[in-house]
């Protein structure tokens, strides 16, 4: 990895009720859902790579391994920290950690592939049925 690449990138999110799971009933308070944690990790990773791409390119998720380690209640803040660990061709590999105010709540490895937006859009349109 080049020394010019960012070592880490961070973003803070707030757990809102619409991102929480409520399936434990009134006995347990709602907590951040795993899909929401994954979304935050993916979006933070995307943002961390964006400045490295030439105009007309974007990244798409290509793989992820996630461990959701601890529950985080509604109203809490979550800090997502990404680190680009490898770039092979158009594939970026990242390590991600998530923390609430008390502890590490998640970790993941994530791969994102760079795509040319126009070519990507053309391929997707070819799959769409005419209206």
Protein backbone atom coordinates (compact mmCIF):
# COMPACT_ATOMS: atom_id res chain seq x y z
CA UNK A 1 0.00 0.00 0.00
CA UNK A 2 1.28 3.42 -0.90
CA UNK A 3 2.21 5.84 1.87
CA UNK A 4 -0.12 8.37 0.22
CA UNK A 5 -3.21 6.27 1.00
CA UNK A 6 -5.22 7.23 4.06
CA UNK A 7 -4.36 4.96 6.98
CA UNK A 8 -7.77 5.22 8.66
CA UNK A 9 -11.10 6.91 8.11
CA UNK A 10 -13.76 7.45 10.78
CA UNK A 11 -17.41 8.37 10.88
CA UNK A 12 -19.88 8.63 13.75
CA UNK A 13 -23.51 7.52 13.55
CA UNK A 14 -26.42 7.64 16.00
CA UNK A 15 -28.60 4.61 16.66
CA UNK A 16 -32.18 5.56 15.88
CA UNK A 17 -35.35 3.57 16.51
CA UNK A 18 -35.82 2.75 12.82
CA UNK A 19 -32.40 1.01 12.81
CA UNK A 20 -33.10 -1.03 15.93
CA UNK A 21 -34.50 -4.49 16.51
CA UNK A 22 -37.56 -4.77 18.73
CA UNK A 23 -38.23 -8.50 18.65
CA UNK A 24 -37.37 -9.15 22.31
CA UNK A 25 -40.50 -7.34 23.49
CA UNK A 26 -40.89 -4.91 26.36
CA UNK A 27 -38.43 -6.80 28.54
CA UNK A 28 -35.37 -5.72 26.52
CA UNK A 29 -34.66 -2.25 25.12
CA UNK A 30 -34.32 -1.95 21.32
CA UNK A 31 -30.74 -2.19 20.03
CA UNK A 32 -28.85 -1.54 16.80
CA UNK A 33 -29.59 -4.21 14.21
CA UNK A 34 -26.83 -6.14 12.49
CA UNK A 35 -28.02 -5.06 9.02
CA UNK A 36 -27.75 -1.40 10.10
CA UNK A 37 -24.24 -1.95 11.48
CA UNK A 38 -23.26 -3.58 8.19
CA UNK A 39 -24.74 -0.68 6.22
CA UNK A 40 -22.72 1.84 8.25
CA UNK A 41 -19.55 -0.20 7.77
CA UNK A 42 -20.12 -0.44 4.03
CA UNK A 43 -20.95 3.24 3.57
CA UNK A 44 -17.97 4.36 5.66
CA UNK A 45 -15.71 2.08 3.61
CA UNK A 46 -17.11 3.51 0.38
CA UNK A 47 -16.48 7.04 1.61
CA UNK A 48 -12.91 6.19 2.64
CA UNK A 49 -12.05 5.02 -0.89
CA UNK A 50 -13.94 7.66 -2.87
CA UNK A 51 -11.14 10.26 -2.80
CA UNK A 52 -8.75 7.72 -4.35
CA UNK A 53 -10.89 7.11 -7.44
CA UNK A 54 -10.71 8.99 -10.74
CA UNK A 55 -13.82 10.87 -11.92
CA UNK A 56 -16.48 8.54 -13.30
CA UNK A 57 -15.67 5.69 -10.95
CA UNK A 58 -17.34 4.38 -7.79
CA UNK A 59 -17.00 1.26 -5.66
CA UNK A 60 -19.47 -1.53 -5.02
CA UNK A 61 -19.46 -4.10 -2.27
CA UNK A 62 -17.81 -7.37 -3.31
CA UNK A 63 -17.59 -9.29 -0.03
CA UNK A 64 -17.84 -8.95 3.73
CA UNK A 65 -17.24 -10.96 6.88
CA UNK A 66 -18.85 -9.36 9.92
CA UNK A 67 -18.89 -10.07 13.64
CA UNK A 68 -21.48 -8.15 15.67
CA UNK A 69 -19.93 -8.35 19.14
CA UNK A 70 -22.15 -6.30 21.47
CA UNK A 71 -25.53 -4.63 21.66
CA UNK A 72 -25.90 -0.84 21.40
CA UNK A 73 -29.10 0.91 22.53
CA UNK A 74 -31.13 3.52 20.69
CA UNK A 75 -29.65 6.99 21.20
CA UNK A 76 -26.06 5.79 21.49
CA UNK A 77 -23.30 6.89 19.12
CA UNK A 78 -21.30 4.42 17.07
CA UNK A 79 -17.86 5.21 15.67
CA UNK A 80 -16.90 3.27 12.55
CA UNK A 81 -13.18 3.08 11.76
CA UNK A 82 -12.02 1.75 8.38
CA UNK A 83 -8.51 0.98 7.23
CA UNK A 84 -7.51 0.10 3.68
CA UNK A 85 -5.14 -2.84 4.00
CA UNK A 86 -4.65 -3.88 0.40
CA UNK A 87 -5.36 -2.81 -3.15
CA UNK A 88 -5.19 -5.45 -5.87
CA UNK A 89 -6.15 -4.12 -9.27
CA UNK A 90 -9.61 -2.67 -8.82
CA UNK A 91 -10.35 -4.46 -5.50
CA UNK A 92 -9.88 -2.64 -2.20
CA UNK A 93 -9.64 -4.70 1.00
CA UNK A 94 -10.50 -3.03 4.29
CA UNK A 95 -10.52 -3.85 7.98
CA UNK A 96 -13.33 -2.21 9.93
CA UNK A 97 -14.03 -1.76 13.63
CA UNK A 98 -17.11 -0.31 15.33
CA UNK A 99 -17.27 1.15 18.83
CA UNK A 100 -20.00 2.57 21.02
CA UNK A 101 -19.22 4.76 24.03
CA UNK A 102 -18.35 1.68 26.12
CA UNK A 103 -16.76 -1.01 23.98
CA UNK A 104 -15.95 -2.48 20.60
CA UNK A 105 -19.26 -3.64 19.12
CA UNK A 106 -18.22 -5.02 15.75
CA UNK A 107 -15.43 -5.92 13.38
CA UNK A 108 -15.35 -6.84 9.72
CA UNK A 109 -13.25 -7.41 6.66
CA UNK A 110 -14.69 -5.91 3.51
CA UNK A 111 -13.83 -5.90 -0.17
CA UNK A 112 -15.01 -3.23 -2.57
CA UNK A 113 -14.51 -3.26 -6.34
CA UNK A 114 -14.01 -0.11 -8.39
CA UNK A 115 -16.39 0.20 -11.34
CA UNK A 116 -16.86 2.70 -14.13
CA UNK A 117 -20.27 4.25 -13.42
CA UNK A 118 -21.36 4.48 -17.08
CA UNK A 119 -20.44 0.84 -17.78
CA UNK A 120 -22.10 -0.30 -14.54
CA UNK A 121 -25.30 1.61 -15.38
CA UNK A 122 -25.35 0.12 -18.87
CA UNK A 123 -25.11 -3.44 -17.51
CA UNK A 124 -27.89 -2.82 -14.98
CA UNK A 125 -30.17 -1.25 -17.61
CA UNK A 126 -29.68 -4.34 -19.82
CA UNK A 127 -31.26 -6.40 -17.00
CA UNK A 128 -34.28 -4.14 -16.62
CA UNK A 129 -37.55 -5.15 -18.25
CA UNK A 130 -39.17 -2.54 -20.49
CA UNK A 131 -42.08 -0.76 -18.82
